[in-house]
PDB file of N, CA and C in Angstrom:
ATOM      1  N   MET A   1       0.931  -1.331   0.085  1.00  0.00           N
ATOM      2  CA  MET A   1      -0.054  -0.166  -0.119  1.00  0.00           C
ATOM      3  C   MET A   1       0.811   1.423  -0.341  1.00  0.00           C
ATOM      4  N   LYS A   2       0.234   2.299  -0.634  1.00  0.00           N
ATOM      5  CA  LYS A   2       0.747   3.367  -0.968  1.00  0.00           C
ATOM      6  C   LYS A   2       0.907   4.076   0.605  1.00  0.00           C
ATOM      7  N   LYS A   3       1.580   4.816   0.895  1.00  0.00           N
ATOM      8  CA  LYS A   3       1.750   5.239   2.583  1.00  0.00           C
ATOM      9  C   LYS A   3       1.284   6.987   2.025  1.00  0.00           C
ATOM     10  N   ASP A   4       0.644   7.296   3.427  1.00  0.00           N
ATOM     11  CA  ASP A   4       0.380   8.704   3.603  1.00  0.00           C
ATOM     12  C   ASP A   4      -1.015   9.163   2.766  1.00  0.00           C
ATOM     13  N   ILE A   5      -1.866   7.839   2.521  1.00  0.00           N
ATOM     14  CA  ILE A   5      -2.990   8.057   1.447  1.00  0.00           C
ATOM     15  C   ILE A   5      -4.239   8.363   2.359  1.00  0.00           C
ATOM     16  N   GLN A   6      -4.562   7.469   3.407  1.00  0.00           N
ATOM     17  CA  GLN A   6      -5.344   7.872   4.236  1.00  0.00           C
ATOM     18  C   GLN A   6      -5.194   9.105   5.070  1.00  0.00           C
ATOM     19  N   PRO A   7      -6.734  10.294   5.282  1.00  0.00           N
ATOM     20  CA  PRO A   7      -6.730  10.784   6.038  1.00  0.00           C
ATOM     21  C   PRO A   7      -6.116  10.883   7.391  1.00  0.00           C
ATOM     22  N   THR A   8      -5.801  11.714   7.568  1.00  0.00           N
ATOM     23  CA  THR A   8      -5.464  12.003   9.853  1.00  0.00           C
ATOM     24  C   THR A   8      -6.200  12.821  10.345  1.00  0.00           C
ATOM     25  N   ASN A   9      -7.158  13.612   9.579  1.00  0.00           N
ATOM     26  CA  ASN A   9      -7.902  14.649  10.422  1.00  0.00           C
ATOM     27  C   ASN A   9      -9.195  14.202  10.573  1.00  0.00           C
ATOM     28  N   TYR A  10      -9.265  13.056  11.649  1.00  0.00           N
ATOM     29  CA  TYR A  10     -10.748  12.462  11.558  1.00  0.00           C
ATOM     30  C   TYR A  10     -10.926  13.192  12.964  1.00  0.00           C
ATOM     31  N   ARG A  11     -12.173  13.888  13.441  1.00  0.00           N
ATOM     32  CA  ARG A  11     -12.948  14.686  14.373  1.00  0.00           C
ATOM     33  C   ARG A  11     -14.366  14.201  14.568  1.00  0.00           C
ATOM     34  N   PRO A  12     -14.826  14.019  15.739  1.00  0.00           N
ATOM     35  CA  PRO A  12     -16.541  14.301  15.926  1.00  0.00           C
ATOM     36  C   PRO A  12     -17.321  14.938  14.963  1.00  0.00           C
ATOM     37  N   VAL A  13     -18.412  14.627  14.426  1.00  0.00           N
ATOM     38  CA  VAL A  13     -19.418  15.530  13.335  1.00  0.00           C
ATOM     39  C   VAL A  13     -20.728  14.861  13.971  1.00  0.00           C
ATOM     40  N   VAL A  14     -21.597  16.114  13.558  1.00  0.00           N
ATOM     41  CA  VAL A  14     -22.627  15.659  14.166  1.00  0.00           C
ATOM     42  C   VAL A  14     -23.898  15.638  12.963  1.00  0.00           C
ATOM     43  N   PHE A  15     -24.041  14.744  12.676  1.00  0.00           N
ATOM     44  CA  PHE A  15     -25.062  14.279  11.613  1.00  0.00           C
ATOM     45  C   PHE A  15     -26.324  14.416  12.237  1.00  0.00           C
ATOM     46  N   LYS A  16     -27.036  15.172  11.243  1.00  0.00           N
ATOM     47  CA  LYS A  16     -28.680  15.697  11.237  1.00  0.00           C
ATOM     48  C   LYS A  16     -29.964  15.220  10.677  1.00  0.00           C
ATOM     49  N   ASP A  17     -30.892  14.160  10.640  1.00  0.00           N
ATOM     50  CA  ASP A  17     -31.463  13.639   9.469  1.00  0.00           C
ATOM     51  C   ASP A  17     -32.568  14.626  10.036  1.00  0.00           C
ATOM     52  N   MET A  18     -32.819  15.679   8.527  1.00  0.00           N
ATOM     53  CA  MET A  18     -33.702  16.429   8.341  1.00  0.00           C
ATOM     54  C   MET A  18     -34.837  15.874   8.773  1.00  0.00           C
ATOM     55  N   SER A  19     -35.526  14.837   8.082  1.00  0.00           N
ATOM     56  CA  SER A  19     -36.912  14.664   8.054  1.00  0.00           C
ATOM     57  C   SER A  19     -37.151  14.282   9.553  1.00  0.00           C
ATOM     58  N   ASN A  20     -36.653  13.853  10.461  1.00  0.00           N
ATOM     59  CA  ASN A  20     -37.298  13.725  11.850  1.00  0.00           C
ATOM     60  C   ASN A  20     -36.183  14.011  13.135  1.00  0.00           C
ATOM     61  N   GLU A  21     -35.333  15.006  12.326  1.00  0.00           N
ATOM     62  CA  GLU A  21     -34.756  15.725  13.614  1.00  0.00           C
ATOM     63  C   GLU A  21     -33.608  15.050  14.756  1.00  0.00           C
ATOM     64  N   GLU A  22     -33.524  13.405  14.019  1.00  0.00           N
ATOM     65  CA  GLU A  22     -32.795  12.661  14.697  1.00  0.00           C
ATOM     66  C   GLU A  22     -31.094  13.097  14.516  1.00  0.00           C
ATOM     67  N   VAL A  23     -30.200  13.370  15.725  1.00  0.00           N
ATOM     68  CA  VAL A  23     -29.212  13.824  15.328  1.00  0.00           C
ATOM     69  C   VAL A  23     -28.044  12.238  16.056  1.00  0.00           C
ATOM     70  N   PHE A  24     -27.010  12.293  15.469  1.00  0.00           N
ATOM     71  CA  PHE A  24     -26.022  11.462  15.730  1.00  0.00           C
ATOM     72  C   PHE A  24     -24.595  11.992  15.558  1.00  0.00           C
ATOM     73  N   ILE A  25     -23.500  11.599  16.435  1.00  0.00           N
ATOM     74  CA  ILE A  25     -22.316  11.932  16.544  1.00  0.00           C
ATOM     75  C   ILE A  25     -21.389  10.852  15.969  1.00  0.00           C
ATOM     76  N   SER A  26     -20.079  11.064  14.888  1.00  0.00           N
ATOM     77  CA  SER A  26     -19.519  10.544  14.396  1.00  0.00           C
ATOM     78  C   SER A  26     -18.319  10.783  14.025  1.00  0.00           C
ATOM     79  N   ARG A  27     -16.944   9.955  13.526  1.00  0.00           N
ATOM     80  CA  ARG A  27     -15.694  10.550  13.492  1.00  0.00           C
ATOM     81  C   ARG A  27     -16.027  10.305  12.023  1.00  0.00           C
ATOM     82  N   SER A  28     -15.250  12.006  11.637  1.00  0.00           N
ATOM     83  CA  SER A  28     -15.370  12.110   9.927  1.00  0.00           C
ATOM     84  C   SER A  28     -14.054  12.988   9.743  1.00  0.00           C
ATOM     85  N   THR A  29     -14.262  13.303   8.410  1.00  0.00           N
ATOM     86  CA  THR A  29     -13.130  14.160   7.910  1.00  0.00           C
ATOM     87  C   THR A  29     -14.062  15.139   6.768  1.00  0.00           C
ATOM     88  N   ILE A  30     -15.128  14.831   6.730  1.00  0.00           N
ATOM     89  CA  ILE A  30     -16.156  15.709   6.091  1.00  0.00           C
ATOM     90  C   ILE A  30     -15.945  17.402   6.162  1.00  0.00           C
ATOM     91  N   ASN A  31     -15.857  18.379   5.487  1.00  0.00           N
ATOM     92  CA  ASN A  31     -16.068  19.342   5.993  1.00  0.00           C
ATOM     93  C   ASN A  31     -17.291  19.939   6.100  1.00  0.00           C
ATOM     94  N   ALA A  32     -17.327  21.086   7.118  1.00  0.00           N
ATOM     95  CA  ALA A  32     -19.224  21.445   7.235  1.00  0.00           C
ATOM     96  C   ALA A  32     -19.032  22.997   7.633  1.00  0.00           C
ATOM     97  N   LYS A  33     -20.458  23.373   7.063  1.00  0.00           N
ATOM     98  CA  LYS A  33     -20.034  24.685   7.138  1.00  0.00           C
ATOM     99  C   LYS A  33     -21.134  25.573   8.364  1.00  0.00           C
ATOM    100  N   GLU A  34     -21.571  24.522   8.855  1.00  0.00           N
ATOM    101  CA  GLU A  34     -22.538  25.154  10.150  1.00  0.00           C
ATOM    102  C   GLU A  34     -22.043  24.313  11.287  1.00  0.00           C
ATOM    103  N   THR A  35     -22.343  25.015  12.382  1.00  0.00           N
ATOM    104  CA  THR A  35     -21.772  24.530  13.818  1.00  0.00           C
ATOM    105  C   THR A  35     -23.170  23.766  14.526  1.00  0.00           C
ATOM    106  N   ILE A  36     -22.971  23.041  15.345  1.00  0.00           N
ATOM    107  CA  ILE A  36     -24.264  22.352  16.194  1.00  0.00           C
ATOM    108  C   ILE A  36     -23.712  22.875  18.114  1.00  0.00           C
ATOM    109  N   GLU A  37     -24.250  23.283  19.246  1.00  0.00           N
ATOM    110  CA  GLU A  37     -23.861  22.963  20.214  1.00  0.00           C
ATOM    111  C   GLU A  37     -24.478  21.836  21.035  1.00  0.00           C
ATOM    112  N   ILE A  38     -23.751  20.790  21.289  1.00  0.00           N
ATOM    113  CA  ILE A  38     -24.815  19.574  21.754  1.00  0.00           C
ATOM    114  C   ILE A  38     -24.002  19.222  23.317  1.00  0.00           C
ATOM    115  N   ASP A  39     -24.694  19.568  24.562  1.00  0.00           N
ATOM    116  CA  ASP A  39     -24.036  19.470  25.657  1.00  0.00           C
ATOM    117  C   ASP A  39     -23.129  19.966  26.194  1.00  0.00           C
ATOM    118  N   GLY A  40     -23.108  21.778  25.901  1.00  0.00           N
ATOM    119  CA  GLY A  40     -21.923  22.101  25.888  1.00  0.00           C
ATOM    120  C   GLY A  40     -20.384  22.220  24.602  1.00  0.00           C
ATOM    121  N   VAL A  41     -20.907  21.560  24.252  1.00  0.00           N
ATOM    122  CA  VAL A  41     -19.430  21.434  22.804  1.00  0.00           C
ATOM    123  C   VAL A  41     -19.962  21.381  21.389  1.00  0.00           C
ATOM    124  N   THR A  42     -19.107  21.956  20.516  1.00  0.00           N
ATOM    125  CA  THR A  42     -19.648  22.867  20.165  1.00  0.00           C
ATOM    126  C   THR A  42     -19.418  21.615  18.484  1.00  0.00           C
ATOM    127  N   TYR A  43     -20.142  21.252  17.681  1.00  0.00           N
ATOM    128  CA  TYR A  43     -19.577  20.129  16.850  1.00  0.00           C
ATOM    129  C   TYR A  43     -19.592  20.499  15.076  1.00  0.00           C
ATOM    130  N   PRO A  44     -18.853  20.191  14.305  1.00  0.00           N
ATOM    131  CA  PRO A  44     -19.612  20.495  12.793  1.00  0.00           C
ATOM    132  C   PRO A  44     -20.848  20.390  12.923  1.00  0.00           C
ATOM    133  N   LEU A  45     -21.343  20.624  11.878  1.00  0.00           N
ATOM    134  CA  LEU A  45     -23.029  19.490  11.620  1.00  0.00           C
ATOM    135  C   LEU A  45     -22.856  19.548  10.284  1.00  0.00           C
ATOM    136  N   VAL A  46     -23.265  18.256   9.738  1.00  0.00           N
ATOM    137  CA  VAL A  46     -23.799  17.809   8.428  1.00  0.00           C
ATOM    138  C   VAL A  46     -25.093  17.568   8.746  1.00  0.00           C
ATOM    139  N   LYS A  47     -26.125  18.015   7.576  1.00  0.00           N
ATOM    140  CA  LYS A  47     -27.701  17.548   7.140  1.00  0.00           C
ATOM    141  C   LYS A  47     -27.770  16.689   6.590  1.00  0.00           C
ATOM    142  N   LEU A  48     -28.569  16.112   6.454  1.00  0.00           N
ATOM    143  CA  LEU A  48     -28.634  14.879   6.114  1.00  0.00           C
ATOM    144  C   LEU A  48     -30.330  14.723   5.899  1.00  0.00           C
ATOM    145  N   GLU A  49     -31.056  14.467   3.815  1.00  0.00           N
ATOM    146  CA  GLU A  49     -32.088  14.282   4.682  1.00  0.00           C
ATOM    147  C   GLU A  49     -32.638  12.854   4.742  1.00  0.00           C
ATOM    148  N   ILE A  50     -31.601  11.569   4.178  1.00  0.00           N
ATOM    149  CA  ILE A  50     -32.464  10.306   5.012  1.00  0.00           C
ATOM    150  C   ILE A  50     -31.803   9.660   5.513  1.00  0.00           C
ATOM    151  N   THR A  51     -31.752   8.524   6.575  1.00  0.00           N
ATOM    152  CA  THR A  51     -30.862   7.965   7.318  1.00  0.00           C
ATOM    153  C   THR A  51     -31.158   6.880   7.883  1.00  0.00           C
ATOM    154  N   SER A  52     -30.616   5.893   8.374  1.00  0.00           N
ATOM    155  CA  SER A  52     -31.085   4.595   8.931  1.00  0.00           C
ATOM    156  C   SER A  52     -32.919   5.358  10.170  1.00  0.00           C
ATOM    157  N   ALA A  53     -32.910   6.156  10.607  1.00  0.00           N
ATOM    158  CA  ALA A  53     -33.693   6.551  11.226  1.00  0.00           C
ATOM    159  C   ALA A  53     -35.504   6.943  10.672  1.00  0.00           C
ATOM    160  N   SER A  54     -35.000   7.175   9.183  1.00  0.00           N
ATOM    161  CA  SER A  54     -36.040   7.816   8.707  1.00  0.00           C
ATOM    162  C   SER A  54     -36.466   6.834   7.262  1.00  0.00           C
ATOM    163  N   HIS A  55     -35.317   6.132   7.016  1.00  0.00           N
ATOM    164  CA  HIS A  55     -35.717   5.134   5.371  1.00  0.00           C
ATOM    165  C   HIS A  55     -36.567   3.838   5.835  1.00  0.00           C
ATOM    166  N   PRO A  56     -37.848   4.341   5.015  1.00  0.00           N
ATOM    167  CA  PRO A  56     -38.904   2.660   4.935  1.00  0.00           C
ATOM    168  C   PRO A  56     -37.932   1.756   5.262  1.00  0.00           C
ATOM    169  N   PHE A  57     -37.076   1.287   4.598  1.00  0.00           N
ATOM    170  CA  PHE A  57     -36.389  -0.387   4.734  1.00  0.00           C
ATOM    171  C   PHE A  57     -36.254  -0.392   6.112  1.00  0.00           C
ATOM    172  N   TYR A  58     -35.325   0.536   7.237  1.00  0.00           N
ATOM    173  CA  TYR A  58     -34.849   0.228   8.625  1.00  0.00           C
ATOM    174  C   TYR A  58     -36.363   0.310   9.234  1.00  0.00           C
ATOM    175  N   THR A  59     -37.019   1.239   9.090  1.00  0.00           N
ATOM    176  CA  THR A  59     -38.710   1.826  10.055  1.00  0.00           C
ATOM    177  C   THR A  59     -39.204   0.800   9.960  1.00  0.00           C
ATOM    178  N   GLY A  60     -39.532  -0.237   9.022  1.00  0.00           N
ATOM    179  CA  GLY A  60     -40.865  -0.963   8.443  1.00  0.00           C
ATOM    180  C   GLY A  60     -41.638   0.199   8.453  1.00  0.00           C
ATOM    181  N   LYS A  61     -41.616   1.400   7.496  1.00  0.00           N
ATOM    182  CA  LYS A  61     -42.787   2.248   7.243  1.00  0.00           C
ATOM    183  C   LYS A  61     -43.193   2.059   5.370  1.00  0.00           C
ATOM    184  N   SER A  62     -44.168   1.759   5.385  1.00  0.00           N
ATOM    185  CA  SER A  62     -43.789   1.178   3.911  1.00  0.00           C
ATOM    186  C   SER A  62     -43.801   2.624   2.827  1.00  0.00           C
ATOM    187  N   LYS A  63     -43.993   3.955   3.504  1.00  0.00           N
ATOM    188  CA  LYS A  63     -44.405   4.824   2.238  1.00  0.00           C
ATOM    189  C   LYS A  63     -43.436   5.920   2.874  1.00  0.00           C
ATOM    190  N   LEU A  64     -41.924   6.554   1.837  1.00  0.00           N
ATOM    191  CA  LEU A  64     -41.198   7.517   1.781  1.00  0.00           C
ATOM    192  C   LEU A  64     -41.866   8.810   1.625  1.00  0.00           C
ATOM    193  N   VAL A  65     -41.605   9.500   2.986  1.00  0.00           N
ATOM    194  CA  VAL A  65     -41.966  10.989   3.037  1.00  0.00           C
ATOM    195  C   VAL A  65     -40.750  11.585   2.200  1.00  0.00           C
ATOM    196  N   ASP A  66     -41.254  11.859   0.943  1.00  0.00           N
ATOM    197  CA  ASP A  66     -40.395  12.729  -0.105  1.00  0.00           C
ATOM    198  C   ASP A  66     -40.623  14.438   0.011  1.00  0.00           C
ATOM    199  N   THR A  67     -39.704  15.284   0.425  1.00  0.00           N
ATOM    200  CA  THR A  67     -39.882  16.234   0.533  1.00  0.00           C
ATOM    201  C   THR A  67     -39.608  17.397  -0.615  1.00  0.00           C
ATOM    202  N   ALA A  68     -39.556  16.482  -1.732  1.00  0.00           N
ATOM    203  CA  ALA A  68     -39.564  17.200  -3.024  1.00  0.00           C
ATOM    204  C   ALA A  68     -40.584  17.271  -3.815  1.00  0.00           C
ATOM    205  N   GLY A  69     -41.351  16.337  -3.277  1.00  0.00           N
ATOM    206  CA  GLY A  69     -42.630  16.002  -3.814  1.00  0.00           C
ATOM    207  C   GLY A  69     -42.144  14.992  -5.362  1.00  0.00           C
ATOM    208  N   ARG A  70     -41.226  14.430  -5.211  1.00  0.00           N
ATOM    209  CA  ARG A  70     -40.258  13.643  -6.537  1.00  0.00           C
ATOM    210  C   ARG A  70     -41.568  12.595  -6.683  1.00  0.00           C
ATOM    211  N   VAL A  71     -41.679  12.262  -5.789  1.00  0.00           N
ATOM    212  CA  VAL A  71     -42.948  10.743  -6.197  1.00  0.00           C
ATOM    213  C   VAL A  71     -43.826  11.092  -6.331  1.00  0.00           C
ATOM    214  N   ASP A  72     -45.047  12.308  -6.169  1.00  0.00           N
ATOM    215  CA  ASP A  72     -45.998  12.573  -6.731  1.00  0.00           C
ATOM    216  C   ASP A  72     -45.887  13.123  -7.887  1.00  0.00           C
ATOM    217  N   LYS A  73     -44.946  13.514  -8.154  1.00  0.00           N
ATOM    218  CA  LYS A  73     -44.719  13.926  -9.554  1.00  0.00           C
ATOM    219  C   LYS A  73     -44.509  12.983 -10.911  1.00  0.00           C
ATOM    220  N   PHE A  74     -44.109  11.798  -9.937  1.00  0.00           N
ATOM    221  CA  PHE A  74     -43.596  10.296 -10.805  1.00  0.00           C
ATOM    222  C   PHE A  74     -45.145   9.312 -11.675  1.00  0.00           C
ATOM    223  N   MET A  75     -45.997  10.187 -10.315  1.00  0.00           N
ATOM    224  CA  MET A  75     -46.824   9.105 -10.292  1.00  0.00           C
ATOM    225  C   MET A  75     -48.430   9.966 -10.746  1.00  0.00           C
ATOM    226  N   ASN A  76     -47.978  11.297 -11.037  1.00  0.00           N
ATOM    227  CA  ASN A  76     -48.935  12.317 -12.165  1.00  0.00           C
ATOM    228  C   ASN A  76     -49.012  12.324 -13.790  1.00  0.00           C
ATOM    229  N   ARG A  77     -47.314  11.714 -13.440  1.00  0.00           N
ATOM    230  CA  ARG A  77     -47.164  11.584 -14.922  1.00  0.00           C
ATOM    231  C   ARG A  77     -46.811  10.379 -15.677  1.00  0.00           C
ATOM    232  N   TYR A  78     -46.808   8.984 -14.928  1.00  0.00           N
ATOM    233  CA  TYR A  78     -46.526   7.744 -15.424  1.00  0.00           C
ATOM    234  C   TYR A  78     -47.278   6.828 -14.543  1.00  0.00           C
ATOM    235  N   GLY A  79     -47.634   7.136 -13.441  1.00  0.00           N
ATOM    236  CA  GLY A  79     -49.194   6.315 -12.600  1.00  0.00           C
ATOM    237  C   GLY A  79     -50.229   6.171 -13.386  1.00  0.00           C
ATOM    238  N   SER A  80     -50.411   6.653 -14.580  1.00  0.00           N
ATOM    239  CA  SER A  80     -52.164   6.306 -14.919  1.00  0.00           C
ATOM    240  C   SER A  80     -51.984   5.924 -16.150  1.00  0.00           C
ATOM    241  N   ARG A  81     -50.837   5.747 -16.606  1.00  0.00           N
ATOM    242  CA  ARG A  81     -50.696   4.731 -18.314  1.00  0.00           C
ATOM    243  C   ARG A  81     -50.928   3.574 -17.907  1.00  0.00           C
ATOM    244  N   ASN A  82     -50.723   3.027 -17.234  1.00  0.00           N
ATOM    245  CA  ASN A  82     -51.586   1.189 -17.131  1.00  0.00           C
ATOM    246  C   ASN A  82     -53.386   1.155 -17.064  1.00  0.00           C
ATOM    247  N   LYS A  83     -53.444   2.484 -16.488  1.00  0.00           N
ATOM    248  CA  LYS A  83     -55.036   2.565 -16.199  1.00  0.00           C
ATOM    249  C   LYS A  83     -55.359   3.024 -17.475  1.00  0.00           C
ATOM    250  N   LYS A  84     -54.909   3.759 -18.418  1.00  0.00           N
ATOM    251  CA  LYS A  84     -55.302   3.991 -20.049  1.00  0.00           C
ATOM    252  C   LYS A  84     -55.339   3.108 -20.685  1.00  0.00           C
ATOM    253  N   ASN A  85     -54.349   2.404 -20.689  1.00  0.00           N
ATOM    254  CA  ASN A  85     -53.793   0.638 -21.156  1.00  0.00           C
ATOM    255  C   ASN A  85     -55.279   0.181 -21.365  1.00  0.00           C
ATOM    256  N   THR A  86     -55.345  -0.182 -20.103  1.00  0.00           N
ATOM    257  CA  THR A  86     -56.546  -1.131 -19.843  1.00  0.00           C
ATOM    258  C   THR A  86     -57.851  -0.974 -20.239  1.00  0.00           C
ATOM    259  N   LYS A  87     -58.294   0.038 -20.312  1.00  0.00           N
ATOM    260  CA  LYS A  87     -59.668   0.618 -20.509  1.00  0.00           C
ATOM    261  C   LYS A  87     -60.159   0.378 -21.827  1.00  0.00           C
TER     262      LYS A  87
END
């Protein structure tokens, strides 16, 4: 293996699921523009749209909450095609 190719600047970072406000702290090298204070300690903040706390596969819920409305747009555009063909 090549030497010195792995990052060395790991630090605690807060990841926040924006769909259910779940937060967790993990070590990462990711750059973050925002910060958050938890228990008196300031951490870099990374906002995520979906995590294992909100993903339907892990939560057991069958419907995905879509913040941008992409599922609805798809269903409006292509969902009624099978209905037209069967008439």
